Amino acid sequence: QVLLVESGGGLVQAGGSLRLSCAASGRTFSSYHMGWFRQAPGKEREFVAAIVWSGGTTYYADSVKGRFTISRDNAKHTIYLQMNSLKTEDTSVYYCRAFTDVGNYWGQGTEVTVAS
């Protein structure tokens, strides 16, 4: 069992920035690939960004490329999502996901609201 706890969401004006964090339990966190997904009201959950276990490779949805940056600190068992130049369409609940050799796990989500 891997427990994921997201934080850092909130209300921000368009053009602003937020940094989300996801703290993970598990002794082998450094072996997990990790990702961020989001779900807006009435829409399907969608991929945002992912980072491999070493942090050496990252992936982004086209909609956030150049504005969002995913990173990780394996010593702190935490991943981050730095979100800059936020747009109203970024308003969503953001979920952390862990991809492990014993299963995949979701966090409970943190809400981000971008006001115009």
C-alpha atoms as a PDB file:
ATOM      1  CA  GLN A   1       0.000   0.000   0.000  1.00  0.00           C
ATOM      2  CA  VAL A   2       1.298   3.445  -0.968  1.00  0.00           C
ATOM      3  CA  LEU A   3      -0.268   6.543   0.552  1.00  0.00           C
ATOM      4  CA  LEU A   4      -0.118   9.760  -1.449  1.00  0.00           C
ATOM      5  CA  VAL A   5      -0.986  13.147   0.042  1.00  0.00           C
ATOM      6  CA  GLU A   6      -1.231  16.187  -2.206  1.00  0.00           C
ATOM      7  CA  SER A   7      -1.044  19.789  -1.024  1.00  0.00           C
ATOM      8  CA  GLY A   8      -0.545  23.268  -2.388  1.00  0.00           C
ATOM      9  CA  GLY A   9      -3.790  23.834  -4.223  1.00  0.00           C
ATOM     10  CA  GLY A  10      -5.800  27.007  -3.885  1.00  0.00           C
ATOM     11  CA  LEU A  11      -7.205  30.038  -5.644  1.00  0.00           C
ATOM     12  CA  VAL A  12      -4.931  32.045  -7.925  1.00  0.00           C
ATOM     13  CA  GLN A  13      -5.407  34.750 -10.525  1.00  0.00           C
ATOM     14  CA  ALA A  14      -4.809  33.967 -14.173  1.00  0.00           C
ATOM     15  CA  GLY A  15      -1.147  34.441 -14.972  1.00  0.00           C
ATOM     16  CA  GLY A  16      -0.139  33.464 -11.473  1.00  0.00           C
ATOM     17  CA  SER A  17       1.765  30.482 -10.117  1.00  0.00           C
ATOM     18  CA  LEU A  18       1.255  27.627  -7.702  1.00  0.00           C
ATOM     19  CA  ARG A  19       3.412  24.733  -6.598  1.00  0.00           C
ATOM     20  CA  LEU A  20       1.758  21.438  -5.792  1.00  0.00           C
ATOM     21  CA  SER A  21       3.413  18.790  -3.654  1.00  0.00           C
ATOM     22  CA  CYS A  22       2.720  15.084  -3.282  1.00  0.00           C
ATOM     23  CA  ALA A  23       4.229  13.250  -0.350  1.00  0.00           C
ATOM     24  CA  ALA A  24       4.405   9.483  -0.650  1.00  0.00           C
ATOM     25  CA  SER A  25       4.791   6.670   1.810  1.00  0.00           C
ATOM     26  CA  GLY A  26       6.747   3.545   0.945  1.00  0.00           C
ATOM     27  CA  ARG A  27      10.310   2.484   1.536  1.00  0.00           C
ATOM     28  CA  THR A  28      11.024   2.184  -2.166  1.00  0.00           C
ATOM     29  CA  PHE A  29       9.748   5.591  -3.311  1.00  0.00           C
ATOM     30  CA  SER A  30      12.882   6.154  -5.354  1.00  0.00           C
ATOM     31  CA  SER A  31      11.866   3.246  -7.585  1.00  0.00           C
ATOM     32  CA  TYR A  32       8.389   4.644  -8.383  1.00  0.00           C
ATOM     33  CA  HIS A  33       7.549   6.463 -11.549  1.00  0.00           C
ATOM     34  CA  MET A  34       5.224   9.309 -10.587  1.00  0.00           C
ATOM     35  CA  GLY A  35       2.690  11.495 -12.319  1.00  0.00           C
ATOM     36  CA  TRP A  36       0.176  14.298 -12.046  1.00  0.00           C
ATOM     37  CA  PHE A  37      -3.304  14.101 -13.506  1.00  0.00           C
ATOM     38  CA  ARG A  38      -6.227  16.486 -13.309  1.00  0.00           C
ATOM     39  CA  GLN A  39      -9.977  16.394 -13.575  1.00  0.00           C
ATOM     40  CA  ALA A  40     -12.141  19.418 -14.276  1.00  0.00           C
ATOM     41  CA  PRO A  41     -15.846  19.425 -13.401  1.00  0.00           C
ATOM     42  CA  GLY A  42     -17.800  17.345 -15.877  1.00  0.00           C
ATOM     43  CA  LYS A  43     -14.677  16.154 -17.674  1.00  0.00           C
ATOM     44  CA  GLU A  44     -12.561  13.026 -17.776  1.00  0.00           C
ATOM     45  CA  ARG A  45      -9.399  12.782 -15.741  1.00  0.00           C
ATOM     46  CA  GLU A  46      -6.434  13.680 -17.929  1.00  0.00           C
ATOM     47  CA  PHE A  47      -2.686  13.305 -17.867  1.00  0.00           C
ATOM     48  CA  VAL A  48      -0.650  16.386 -16.953  1.00  0.00           C
ATOM     49  CA  ALA A  49       2.948  15.344 -16.333  1.00  0.00           C
ATOM     50  CA  ALA A  50       5.095  12.388 -15.325  1.00  0.00           C
ATOM     51  CA  ILE A  51       8.600  11.761 -14.069  1.00  0.00           C
ATOM     52  CA  VAL A  52      10.596   8.553 -14.042  1.00  0.00           C
ATOM     53  CA  TRP A  53      12.090   7.101 -10.876  1.00  0.00           C
ATOM     54  CA  SER A  54      15.451   8.859 -11.265  1.00  0.00           C
ATOM     55  CA  GLY A  55      14.023  12.208 -12.267  1.00  0.00           C
ATOM     56  CA  GLY A  56      16.034  11.996 -15.460  1.00  0.00           C
ATOM     57  CA  THR A  57      13.101  11.965 -17.849  1.00  0.00           C
ATOM     58  CA  THR A  58       9.877  13.929 -17.750  1.00  0.00           C
ATOM     59  CA  TYR A  59       6.746  13.995 -19.869  1.00  0.00           C
ATOM     60  CA  TYR A  60       4.102  16.679 -20.296  1.00  0.00           C
ATOM     61  CA  ALA A  61       0.715  17.121 -21.850  1.00  0.00           C
ATOM     62  CA  ASP A  62       0.835  19.573 -24.736  1.00  0.00           C
ATOM     63  CA  SER A  63      -1.550  21.858 -22.885  1.00  0.00           C
ATOM     64  CA  VAL A  64       0.942  22.492 -20.068  1.00  0.00           C
ATOM     65  CA  LYS A  65       4.275  22.164 -21.843  1.00  0.00           C
ATOM     66  CA  GLY A  66       6.452  25.196 -21.202  1.00  0.00           C
ATOM     67  CA  ARG A  67       4.313  26.334 -18.258  1.00  0.00           C
ATOM     68  CA  PHE A  68       4.441  23.416 -15.788  1.00  0.00           C
ATOM     69  CA  THR A  69       7.479  21.633 -14.410  1.00  0.00           C
ATOM     70  CA  ILE A  70       7.435  18.289 -12.614  1.00  0.00           C
ATOM     71  CA  SER A  71      10.270  17.409 -10.267  1.00  0.00           C
ATOM     72  CA  ARG A  72      11.010  15.061  -7.409  1.00  0.00           C
ATOM     73  CA  ASP A  73      13.076  14.810  -4.265  1.00  0.00           C
ATOM     74  CA  ASN A  74      13.615  11.145  -3.519  1.00  0.00           C
ATOM     75  CA  ALA A  75      15.144  11.902  -0.126  1.00  0.00           C
ATOM     76  CA  LYS A  76      11.877  13.595   0.886  1.00  0.00           C
ATOM     77  CA  HIS A  77       9.630  11.064  -0.868  1.00  0.00           C
ATOM     78  CA  THR A  78       7.959  13.990  -2.594  1.00  0.00           C
ATOM     79  CA  ILE A  79       7.167  15.140  -6.087  1.00  0.00           C
ATOM     80  CA  TYR A  80       6.266  18.647  -7.136  1.00  0.00           C
ATOM     81  CA  LEU A  81       4.377  20.389  -9.893  1.00  0.00           C
ATOM     82  CA  GLN A  82       5.409  23.975 -10.448  1.00  0.00           C
ATOM     83  CA  MET A  83       2.634  25.673 -12.368  1.00  0.00           C
ATOM     84  CA  ASN A  84       3.335  29.048 -13.973  1.00  0.00           C
ATOM     85  CA  SER A  85       1.311  31.285 -16.289  1.00  0.00           C
ATOM     86  CA  LEU A  86      -1.861  29.657 -15.054  1.00  0.00           C
ATOM     87  CA  LYS A  87      -4.971  29.868 -17.195  1.00  0.00           C
ATOM     88  CA  THR A  88      -8.621  29.567 -16.243  1.00  0.00           C
ATOM     89  CA  GLU A  89      -8.716  26.273 -18.123  1.00  0.00           C
ATOM     90  CA  ASP A  90      -6.179  24.862 -15.651  1.00  0.00           C
ATOM     91  CA  THR A  91      -8.902  24.886 -12.999  1.00  0.00           C
ATOM     92  CA  SER A  92      -9.209  21.271 -11.846  1.00  0.00           C
ATOM     93  CA  VAL A  93      -8.637  18.857  -9.046  1.00  0.00           C
ATOM     94  CA  TYR A  94      -5.048  17.701  -9.372  1.00  0.00           C
ATOM     95  CA  TYR A  95      -4.175  14.125  -8.465  1.00  0.00           C
ATOM     96  CA  CYS A  96      -0.847  12.502  -7.804  1.00  0.00           C
ATOM     97  CA  ARG A  97      -0.272   8.964  -9.096  1.00  0.00           C
ATOM     98  CA  ALA A  98       2.366   6.436  -8.208  1.00  0.00           C
ATOM     99  CA  PHE A  99       3.351   3.640 -10.575  1.00  0.00           C
ATOM    100  CA  THR A 100       4.947   0.857  -8.557  1.00  0.00           C
ATOM    101  CA  ASP A 101       5.805  -2.790  -9.065  1.00  0.00           C
ATOM    102  CA  VAL A 102       2.988  -3.781  -6.733  1.00  0.00           C
ATOM    103  CA  GLY A 103       0.299  -1.568  -8.202  1.00  0.00           C
ATOM    104  CA  ASN A 104      -0.686   1.966  -9.100  1.00  0.00           C
ATOM    105  CA  TYR A 105      -2.059   4.409  -6.559  1.00  0.00           C
ATOM    106  CA  TRP A 106      -3.957   7.706  -6.489  1.00  0.00           C
ATOM    107  CA  GLY A 107      -3.862  10.514  -3.986  1.00  0.00           C
ATOM    108  CA  GLN A 108      -7.011  12.233  -2.775  1.00  0.00           C
ATOM    109  CA  GLY A 109      -6.465  15.314  -4.920  1.00  0.00           C
ATOM    110  CA  THR A 110      -5.924  19.010  -4.341  1.00  0.00           C
ATOM    111  CA  GLU A 111      -8.122  21.655  -5.892  1.00  0.00           C
ATOM    112  CA  VAL A 112      -6.759  24.428  -8.065  1.00  0.00           C
ATOM    113  CA  THR A 113      -8.975  27.310  -9.105  1.00  0.00           C
ATOM    114  CA  VAL A 114      -7.705  29.914 -11.553  1.00  0.00           C
ATOM    115  CA  ALA A 115      -9.770  33.092 -11.582  1.00  0.00           C
ATOM    116  CA  SER A 116      -9.925  35.440 -14.548  1.00  0.00           C
END
